[in-house]
Amino acid sequence: MARFRVEGFLADSMLGRLTRWLRLMGYSVEYASSEWSDAKIMEYCNSKGLFLLTRDRELSKRYSNSFYVRSENLNDQLAQFLSEFFPSRDLFFTRCPLCNGKTSRVPMSQVSDRVPDGVRSRYDSAFVCHNCGKVYWEGTHYDSILKTINSIITRL
């Protein structure tokens, strides 16, 4: 099984959910809007040195630095991707799933005015995106995400 790291990706507009999940695992994944032509996608990838993730079989054949994602099912997409681009657990939750910005852990006191009361009382820290300012914390959704990722990784 070939496992390697790529510095950055561009996902086409058919891979929005996969994009968010890959960002949660620390991959830098930019997202191509549905208005982008194939030519623009390839030009953008070339200019930025990005590896293309696509559900478009023909585009993947025309662009050599691409990865054709076979399934429409998210878990299958994750399994296919992770079998080739194995994740580093150290990078989990270091990127914003919405904008791809880098996140860092901060004391809850720094973001207490931006989270619900119950969150402030239950957690000592949160993650903040340096790009969009979104705040995240390790609630039940965090545990659910980790469980899903771990279950896919153990099957590889």
N, C-alpha and C. Protein backbone atom coordinates (compact mmCIF):
# COMPACT_ATOMS: atom_id res chain seq x y z
N MET A 1 0.86 -1.18 0.00
CA MET A 1 0.00 0.00 0.00
C MET A 1 0.90 1.24 0.00
N ALA A 2 0.75 2.10 -0.99
CA ALA A 2 1.56 3.32 -1.08
C ALA A 2 1.01 4.37 -0.13
N ARG A 3 1.88 4.82 0.78
CA ARG A 3 1.46 5.86 1.73
C ARG A 3 2.47 6.98 1.65
N PHE A 4 1.98 8.18 1.38
CA PHE A 4 2.88 9.32 1.28
C PHE A 4 2.14 10.58 1.65
N ARG A 5 2.91 11.64 1.90
CA ARG A 5 2.32 12.93 2.29
C ARG A 5 2.49 13.91 1.14
N VAL A 6 1.51 14.73 0.96
CA VAL A 6 1.53 15.81 -0.01
C VAL A 6 1.30 17.09 0.79
N GLU A 7 1.94 18.15 0.40
CA GLU A 7 1.85 19.40 1.18
C GLU A 7 0.46 20.03 1.13
N GLY A 8 -0.21 19.94 0.01
CA GLY A 8 -1.52 20.57 -0.09
C GLY A 8 -2.36 19.97 -1.20
N PHE A 9 -3.66 20.15 -1.07
CA PHE A 9 -4.61 19.58 -2.01
C PHE A 9 -5.59 20.66 -2.47
N LEU A 10 -6.19 20.40 -3.62
CA LEU A 10 -7.36 21.14 -4.07
C LEU A 10 -8.43 20.11 -4.35
N ALA A 11 -9.58 20.24 -3.71
CA ALA A 11 -10.69 19.32 -3.94
C ALA A 11 -11.70 20.00 -4.86
N ASP A 12 -12.23 19.22 -5.79
CA ASP A 12 -13.24 19.81 -6.67
C ASP A 12 -14.57 19.95 -5.95
N SER A 13 -15.50 20.59 -6.59
CA SER A 13 -16.77 20.96 -5.94
C SER A 13 -17.64 19.76 -5.56
N MET A 14 -17.29 18.57 -6.02
CA MET A 14 -18.06 17.38 -5.66
C MET A 14 -17.59 16.76 -4.35
N LEU A 15 -16.59 17.37 -3.72
CA LEU A 15 -15.98 16.77 -2.53
C LEU A 15 -15.99 17.69 -1.32
N GLY A 16 -17.07 18.42 -1.13
CA GLY A 16 -17.17 19.36 -0.02
C GLY A 16 -17.11 18.69 1.35
N ARG A 17 -17.85 17.62 1.56
CA ARG A 17 -17.83 16.94 2.87
C ARG A 17 -16.47 16.32 3.13
N LEU A 18 -15.88 15.68 2.12
CA LEU A 18 -14.55 15.10 2.27
C LEU A 18 -13.55 16.19 2.62
N THR A 19 -13.67 17.34 1.97
CA THR A 19 -12.76 18.46 2.25
C THR A 19 -12.78 18.83 3.72
N ARG A 20 -13.96 18.98 4.30
CA ARG A 20 -14.07 19.35 5.71
C ARG A 20 -13.45 18.29 6.62
N TRP A 21 -13.69 17.03 6.33
CA TRP A 21 -13.13 15.95 7.15
C TRP A 21 -11.61 15.90 7.04
N LEU A 22 -11.09 16.09 5.85
CA LEU A 22 -9.64 16.07 5.69
C LEU A 22 -9.00 17.24 6.43
N ARG A 23 -9.64 18.37 6.41
CA ARG A 23 -9.14 19.52 7.17
C ARG A 23 -9.11 19.21 8.66
N LEU A 24 -10.14 18.52 9.16
CA LEU A 24 -10.16 18.13 10.57
C LEU A 24 -8.98 17.24 10.92
N MET A 25 -8.49 16.48 9.93
CA MET A 25 -7.34 15.61 10.16
C MET A 25 -6.02 16.33 9.91
N GLY A 26 -6.10 17.63 9.62
CA GLY A 26 -4.89 18.42 9.49
C GLY A 26 -4.35 18.59 8.08
N TYR A 27 -5.05 18.05 7.10
CA TYR A 27 -4.62 18.22 5.71
C TYR A 27 -4.99 19.62 5.24
N SER A 28 -4.10 20.25 4.50
CA SER A 28 -4.41 21.54 3.89
C SER A 28 -5.15 21.25 2.58
N VAL A 29 -6.45 21.57 2.57
CA VAL A 29 -7.28 21.27 1.40
C VAL A 29 -8.03 22.53 1.00
N GLU A 30 -7.68 23.05 -0.16
CA GLU A 30 -8.44 24.16 -0.72
C GLU A 30 -9.61 23.57 -1.49
N TYR A 31 -10.57 24.42 -1.82
CA TYR A 31 -11.81 23.93 -2.41
C TYR A 31 -12.15 24.73 -3.66
N ALA A 32 -12.37 24.03 -4.75
CA ALA A 32 -12.72 24.67 -6.03
C ALA A 32 -14.23 24.83 -6.12
N SER A 33 -14.66 26.02 -6.40
CA SER A 33 -16.10 26.27 -6.54
C SER A 33 -16.61 25.59 -7.81
N SER A 34 -17.90 25.35 -7.85
CA SER A 34 -18.50 24.68 -9.00
C SER A 34 -18.42 25.53 -10.27
N GLU A 35 -18.12 26.82 -10.13
CA GLU A 35 -17.99 27.69 -11.30
C GLU A 35 -16.63 27.53 -11.99
N TRP A 36 -15.69 26.90 -11.31
CA TRP A 36 -14.35 26.76 -11.89
C TRP A 36 -14.37 25.76 -13.04
N SER A 37 -13.75 26.12 -14.14
CA SER A 37 -13.59 25.20 -15.27
C SER A 37 -12.47 24.22 -14.96
N ASP A 38 -12.44 23.13 -15.72
CA ASP A 38 -11.35 22.18 -15.54
C ASP A 38 -10.00 22.85 -15.78
N ALA A 39 -9.94 23.72 -16.79
CA ALA A 39 -8.69 24.43 -17.11
C ALA A 39 -8.25 25.29 -15.92
N LYS A 40 -9.20 25.97 -15.29
CA LYS A 40 -8.85 26.81 -14.14
C LYS A 40 -8.36 25.95 -12.98
N ILE A 41 -9.01 24.81 -12.76
CA ILE A 41 -8.60 23.91 -11.68
C ILE A 41 -7.17 23.44 -11.90
N MET A 42 -6.86 23.00 -13.11
CA MET A 42 -5.51 22.51 -13.41
C MET A 42 -4.47 23.63 -13.31
N GLU A 43 -4.82 24.80 -13.82
CA GLU A 43 -3.91 25.95 -13.73
C GLU A 43 -3.65 26.33 -12.28
N TYR A 44 -4.70 26.35 -11.47
CA TYR A 44 -4.57 26.71 -10.06
C TYR A 44 -3.67 25.70 -9.33
N CYS A 45 -3.92 24.41 -9.56
CA CYS A 45 -3.10 23.37 -8.94
C CYS A 45 -1.64 23.52 -9.33
N ASN A 46 -1.39 23.76 -10.61
CA ASN A 46 -0.01 23.94 -11.08
C ASN A 46 0.64 25.15 -10.43
N SER A 47 -0.07 26.25 -10.37
CA SER A 47 0.52 27.49 -9.84
C SER A 47 0.79 27.41 -8.34
N LYS A 48 -0.01 26.64 -7.61
CA LYS A 48 0.13 26.54 -6.15
C LYS A 48 0.84 25.27 -5.71
N GLY A 49 1.13 24.38 -6.65
CA GLY A 49 1.76 23.11 -6.30
C GLY A 49 0.85 22.18 -5.52
N LEU A 50 -0.44 22.19 -5.86
CA LEU A 50 -1.42 21.38 -5.14
C LEU A 50 -1.74 20.09 -5.88
N PHE A 51 -2.06 19.07 -5.13
CA PHE A 51 -2.48 17.78 -5.66
C PHE A 51 -4.00 17.82 -5.76
N LEU A 52 -4.55 17.42 -6.87
CA LEU A 52 -6.00 17.51 -7.11
C LEU A 52 -6.73 16.27 -6.62
N LEU A 53 -7.81 16.49 -5.87
CA LEU A 53 -8.75 15.45 -5.47
C LEU A 53 -10.02 15.68 -6.27
N THR A 54 -10.47 14.66 -6.99
CA THR A 54 -11.62 14.86 -7.86
C THR A 54 -12.49 13.62 -7.98
N ARG A 55 -13.77 13.86 -8.25
CA ARG A 55 -14.71 12.79 -8.59
C ARG A 55 -14.89 12.72 -10.10
N ASP A 56 -14.21 13.57 -10.83
CA ASP A 56 -14.31 13.63 -12.29
C ASP A 56 -13.22 12.74 -12.89
N ARG A 57 -13.63 11.58 -13.37
CA ARG A 57 -12.67 10.60 -13.89
C ARG A 57 -11.86 11.17 -15.05
N GLU A 58 -12.52 11.87 -15.96
CA GLU A 58 -11.81 12.43 -17.12
C GLU A 58 -10.78 13.48 -16.70
N LEU A 59 -11.15 14.33 -15.75
CA LEU A 59 -10.21 15.34 -15.26
C LEU A 59 -9.01 14.67 -14.61
N SER A 60 -9.25 13.62 -13.85
CA SER A 60 -8.13 12.92 -13.19
C SER A 60 -7.19 12.29 -14.22
N LYS A 61 -7.71 11.90 -15.36
CA LYS A 61 -6.86 11.34 -16.42
C LYS A 61 -6.04 12.43 -17.12
N ARG A 62 -6.62 13.62 -17.22
CA ARG A 62 -5.94 14.72 -17.91
C ARG A 62 -4.91 15.42 -17.03
N TYR A 63 -5.08 15.34 -15.72
CA TYR A 63 -4.16 16.02 -14.81
C TYR A 63 -3.39 14.98 -14.02
N SER A 64 -2.09 14.90 -14.25
CA SER A 64 -1.30 13.80 -13.68
C SER A 64 -1.18 13.83 -12.16
N ASN A 65 -1.16 15.00 -11.56
CA ASN A 65 -1.06 15.10 -10.10
C ASN A 65 -2.44 15.13 -9.48
N SER A 66 -3.17 14.03 -9.70
CA SER A 66 -4.54 13.98 -9.20
C SER A 66 -4.83 12.62 -8.59
N PHE A 67 -5.91 12.61 -7.84
CA PHE A 67 -6.37 11.41 -7.16
C PHE A 67 -7.87 11.30 -7.42
N TYR A 68 -8.25 10.26 -8.13
CA TYR A 68 -9.66 10.05 -8.45
C TYR A 68 -10.36 9.39 -7.26
N VAL A 69 -11.36 10.04 -6.71
CA VAL A 69 -12.14 9.53 -5.59
C VAL A 69 -13.32 8.77 -6.17
N ARG A 70 -13.33 7.46 -5.96
CA ARG A 70 -14.29 6.58 -6.62
C ARG A 70 -15.71 6.68 -6.08
N SER A 71 -15.87 6.75 -4.79
CA SER A 71 -17.18 6.60 -4.15
C SER A 71 -17.86 7.95 -3.87
N GLU A 72 -19.17 7.89 -3.76
CA GLU A 72 -19.94 9.04 -3.29
C GLU A 72 -20.13 8.99 -1.78
N ASN A 73 -19.85 7.83 -1.17
CA ASN A 73 -20.01 7.63 0.27
C ASN A 73 -18.81 8.21 1.02
N LEU A 74 -19.07 9.06 2.00
CA LEU A 74 -17.99 9.74 2.72
C LEU A 74 -17.02 8.77 3.38
N ASN A 75 -17.50 7.77 4.09
CA ASN A 75 -16.60 6.83 4.76
C ASN A 75 -15.73 6.08 3.76
N ASP A 76 -16.30 5.71 2.63
CA ASP A 76 -15.50 5.06 1.59
C ASP A 76 -14.46 6.02 1.01
N GLN A 77 -14.85 7.28 0.84
CA GLN A 77 -13.91 8.29 0.34
C GLN A 77 -12.74 8.45 1.31
N LEU A 78 -13.06 8.55 2.60
CA LEU A 78 -12.02 8.69 3.62
C LEU A 78 -11.09 7.48 3.62
N ALA A 79 -11.66 6.29 3.54
CA ALA A 79 -10.84 5.07 3.54
C ALA A 79 -9.93 5.04 2.31
N GLN A 80 -10.46 5.38 1.15
CA GLN A 80 -9.65 5.39 -0.06
C GLN A 80 -8.52 6.41 0.06
N PHE A 81 -8.85 7.60 0.51
CA PHE A 81 -7.86 8.66 0.65
C PHE A 81 -6.78 8.26 1.67
N LEU A 82 -7.20 7.82 2.84
CA LEU A 82 -6.26 7.51 3.92
C LEU A 82 -5.38 6.30 3.60
N SER A 83 -5.82 5.44 2.70
CA SER A 83 -4.97 4.31 2.31
C SER A 83 -3.78 4.78 1.48
N GLU A 84 -3.88 5.95 0.89
CA GLU A 84 -2.78 6.52 0.09
C GLU A 84 -2.04 7.66 0.80
N PHE A 85 -2.76 8.43 1.57
CA PHE A 85 -2.20 9.61 2.25
C PHE A 85 -2.43 9.44 3.75
N PHE A 86 -1.60 8.64 4.35
CA PHE A 86 -1.82 8.28 5.76
C PHE A 86 -1.70 9.50 6.67
N PRO A 87 -2.62 9.65 7.60
CA PRO A 87 -2.63 10.85 8.44
C PRO A 87 -1.61 10.83 9.58
N SER A 88 -1.30 12.00 10.05
CA SER A 88 -0.48 12.16 11.25
C SER A 88 -1.40 12.64 12.37
N ARG A 89 -1.54 11.85 13.40
CA ARG A 89 -2.44 12.20 14.51
C ARG A 89 -2.05 13.53 15.16
N ASP A 90 -0.79 13.90 15.05
CA ASP A 90 -0.33 15.18 15.61
C ASP A 90 -0.99 16.37 14.92
N LEU A 91 -1.51 16.15 13.73
CA LEU A 91 -2.11 17.25 12.97
C LEU A 91 -3.63 17.34 13.12
N PHE A 92 -4.23 16.34 13.77
CA PHE A 92 -5.68 16.36 13.93
C PHE A 92 -6.12 17.65 14.62
N PHE A 93 -7.16 18.26 14.11
CA PHE A 93 -7.79 19.46 14.66
C PHE A 93 -6.85 20.68 14.65
N THR A 94 -5.93 20.71 13.70
CA THR A 94 -5.04 21.87 13.56
C THR A 94 -5.46 22.77 12.40
N ARG A 95 -6.56 22.41 11.71
CA ARG A 95 -7.08 23.23 10.62
C ARG A 95 -8.58 23.43 10.81
N CYS A 96 -9.03 24.57 10.37
CA CYS A 96 -10.46 24.88 10.43
C CYS A 96 -11.18 24.12 9.31
N PRO A 97 -12.24 23.38 9.64
CA PRO A 97 -12.96 22.65 8.60
C PRO A 97 -13.71 23.57 7.64
N LEU A 98 -13.96 24.80 8.04
CA LEU A 98 -14.71 25.73 7.20
C LEU A 98 -13.83 26.48 6.20
N CYS A 99 -12.67 26.98 6.67
CA CYS A 99 -11.88 27.86 5.80
C CYS A 99 -10.47 27.36 5.51
N ASN A 100 -10.06 26.27 6.15
CA ASN A 100 -8.72 25.69 5.97
C ASN A 100 -7.64 26.45 6.72
N GLY A 101 -8.01 27.46 7.51
CA GLY A 101 -7.02 28.19 8.30
C GLY A 101 -6.45 27.32 9.40
N LYS A 102 -5.28 27.69 9.89
CA LYS A 102 -4.67 26.95 10.99
C LYS A 102 -5.36 27.33 12.30
N THR A 103 -5.47 26.34 13.18
CA THR A 103 -6.07 26.57 14.49
C THR A 103 -5.01 26.36 15.57
N SER A 104 -5.29 26.91 16.73
CA SER A 104 -4.43 26.63 17.88
C SER A 104 -5.29 26.58 19.13
N ARG A 105 -4.78 25.84 20.10
CA ARG A 105 -5.49 25.70 21.37
C ARG A 105 -5.22 26.95 22.20
N VAL A 106 -6.29 27.48 22.80
CA VAL A 106 -6.17 28.66 23.67
C VAL A 106 -6.95 28.38 24.95
N PRO A 107 -6.60 29.07 26.03
CA PRO A 107 -7.38 28.93 27.26
C PRO A 107 -8.82 29.42 27.02
N MET A 108 -9.77 28.76 27.64
CA MET A 108 -11.18 29.14 27.47
C MET A 108 -11.40 30.60 27.83
N SER A 109 -10.63 31.11 28.76
CA SER A 109 -10.81 32.51 29.18
C SER A 109 -10.61 33.49 28.02
N GLN A 110 -9.83 33.09 27.01
CA GLN A 110 -9.60 33.98 25.86
C GLN A 110 -10.80 34.04 24.91
N VAL A 111 -11.67 33.04 24.98
CA VAL A 111 -12.81 33.00 24.05
C VAL A 111 -14.14 32.87 24.78
N SER A 112 -14.16 33.09 26.08
CA SER A 112 -15.36 32.84 26.89
C SER A 112 -16.57 33.66 26.43
N ASP A 113 -16.32 34.82 25.83
CA ASP A 113 -17.43 35.64 25.36
C ASP A 113 -17.98 35.14 24.02
N ARG A 114 -17.36 34.11 23.44
CA ARG A 114 -17.77 33.61 22.12
C ARG A 114 -18.29 32.18 22.15
N VAL A 115 -18.50 31.64 23.35
CA VAL A 115 -19.02 30.27 23.47
C VAL A 115 -20.20 30.26 24.43
N PRO A 116 -21.07 29.26 24.31
CA PRO A 116 -22.22 29.15 25.24
C PRO A 116 -21.76 28.96 26.69
N ASP A 117 -22.61 29.35 27.62
CA ASP A 117 -22.30 29.24 29.05
C ASP A 117 -21.87 27.82 29.45
N GLY A 118 -22.60 26.82 28.98
CA GLY A 118 -22.29 25.43 29.33
C GLY A 118 -20.91 25.01 28.87
N VAL A 119 -20.48 25.52 27.76
CA VAL A 119 -19.14 25.20 27.25
C VAL A 119 -18.08 25.82 28.15
N ARG A 120 -18.29 27.06 28.52
CA ARG A 120 -17.33 27.74 29.41
C ARG A 120 -17.13 26.98 30.71
N SER A 121 -18.21 26.43 31.24
CA SER A 121 -18.11 25.75 32.54
C SER A 121 -17.54 24.33 32.43
N ARG A 122 -17.60 23.70 31.26
CA ARG A 122 -17.15 22.32 31.11
C ARG A 122 -15.75 22.15 30.54
N TYR A 123 -15.23 23.17 29.86
CA TYR A 123 -13.95 23.00 29.16
C TYR A 123 -12.95 24.08 29.57
N ASP A 124 -11.69 23.67 29.66
CA ASP A 124 -10.62 24.59 30.04
C ASP A 124 -10.00 25.30 28.84
N SER A 125 -10.18 24.70 27.65
CA SER A 125 -9.54 25.28 26.46
C SER A 125 -10.44 25.08 25.25
N ALA A 126 -10.05 25.76 24.18
CA ALA A 126 -10.78 25.67 22.91
C ALA A 126 -9.76 25.82 21.79
N PHE A 127 -10.20 25.56 20.57
CA PHE A 127 -9.38 25.78 19.38
C PHE A 127 -9.94 27.01 18.68
N VAL A 128 -9.05 27.87 18.19
CA VAL A 128 -9.48 29.06 17.47
C VAL A 128 -8.80 29.09 16.11
N CYS A 129 -9.57 29.38 15.07
CA CYS A 129 -9.01 29.52 13.73
C CYS A 129 -8.36 30.89 13.60
N HIS A 130 -7.12 30.90 13.14
CA HIS A 130 -6.38 32.16 12.96
C HIS A 130 -6.88 32.95 11.76
N ASN A 131 -7.61 32.27 10.87
CA ASN A 131 -8.08 32.94 9.66
C ASN A 131 -9.49 33.53 9.82
N CYS A 132 -10.45 32.70 10.20
CA CYS A 132 -11.85 33.17 10.28
C CYS A 132 -12.32 33.45 11.70
N GLY A 133 -11.55 33.04 12.70
CA GLY A 133 -11.90 33.31 14.08
C GLY A 133 -12.88 32.34 14.71
N LYS A 134 -13.32 31.33 13.98
CA LYS A 134 -14.27 30.35 14.52
C LYS A 134 -13.66 29.63 15.71
N VAL A 135 -14.50 29.35 16.72
CA VAL A 135 -14.06 28.69 17.94
C VAL A 135 -14.64 27.27 17.98
N TYR A 136 -13.79 26.32 18.35
CA TYR A 136 -14.19 24.92 18.47
C TYR A 136 -13.77 24.42 19.84
N TRP A 137 -14.49 23.40 20.35
CA TRP A 137 -14.13 22.79 21.62
C TRP A 137 -14.33 21.30 21.52
N GLU A 138 -13.79 20.56 22.49
CA GLU A 138 -13.79 19.10 22.44
C GLU A 138 -15.07 18.51 23.04
N GLY A 139 -16.18 18.77 22.44
CA GLY A 139 -17.47 18.24 22.90
C GLY A 139 -17.76 16.87 22.32
N THR A 140 -19.01 16.49 22.35
CA THR A 140 -19.40 15.16 21.87
C THR A 140 -19.15 15.00 20.37
N HIS A 141 -19.27 16.08 19.61
CA HIS A 141 -19.01 16.01 18.18
C HIS A 141 -17.54 15.67 17.93
N TYR A 142 -16.66 16.23 18.73
CA TYR A 142 -15.22 15.96 18.65
C TYR A 142 -14.98 14.46 18.85
N ASP A 143 -15.58 13.89 19.89
CA ASP A 143 -15.43 12.46 20.17
C ASP A 143 -15.96 11.61 19.02
N SER A 144 -17.08 12.01 18.47
CA SER A 144 -17.68 11.28 17.35
C SER A 144 -16.78 11.31 16.12
N ILE A 145 -16.18 12.45 15.85
CA ILE A 145 -15.27 12.59 14.71
C ILE A 145 -14.06 11.67 14.90
N LEU A 146 -13.46 11.71 16.08
CA LEU A 146 -12.30 10.84 16.37
C LEU A 146 -12.66 9.37 16.24
N LYS A 147 -13.82 8.99 16.72
CA LYS A 147 -14.26 7.59 16.64
C LYS A 147 -14.38 7.17 15.18
N THR A 148 -14.97 8.00 14.34
CA THR A 148 -15.11 7.69 12.92
C THR A 148 -13.76 7.55 12.25
N ILE A 149 -12.88 8.51 12.48
CA ILE A 149 -11.54 8.47 11.88
C ILE A 149 -10.79 7.23 12.33
N ASN A 150 -10.81 6.95 13.63
CA ASN A 150 -10.10 5.77 14.15
C ASN A 150 -10.64 4.47 13.60
N SER A 151 -11.94 4.39 13.43
CA SER A 151 -12.53 3.14 12.90
C SER A 151 -12.10 2.92 11.44
N ILE A 152 -11.95 3.99 10.69
CA ILE A 152 -11.49 3.87 9.30
C ILE A 152 -10.02 3.51 9.26
N ILE A 153 -9.22 4.15 10.08
CA ILE A 153 -7.77 3.89 10.09
C ILE A 153 -7.47 2.45 10.50
N THR A 154 -8.20 1.91 11.47
CA THR A 154 -7.93 0.53 11.92
C THR A 154 -8.28 -0.49 10.86
N ARG A 155 -9.13 -0.14 9.91
CA ARG A 155 -9.48 -1.07 8.82
C ARG A 155 -8.47 -1.07 7.70
N LEU A 156 -7.57 -0.09 7.69
CA LEU A 156 -6.59 0.01 6.58
C LEU A 156 -5.49 -1.02 6.69
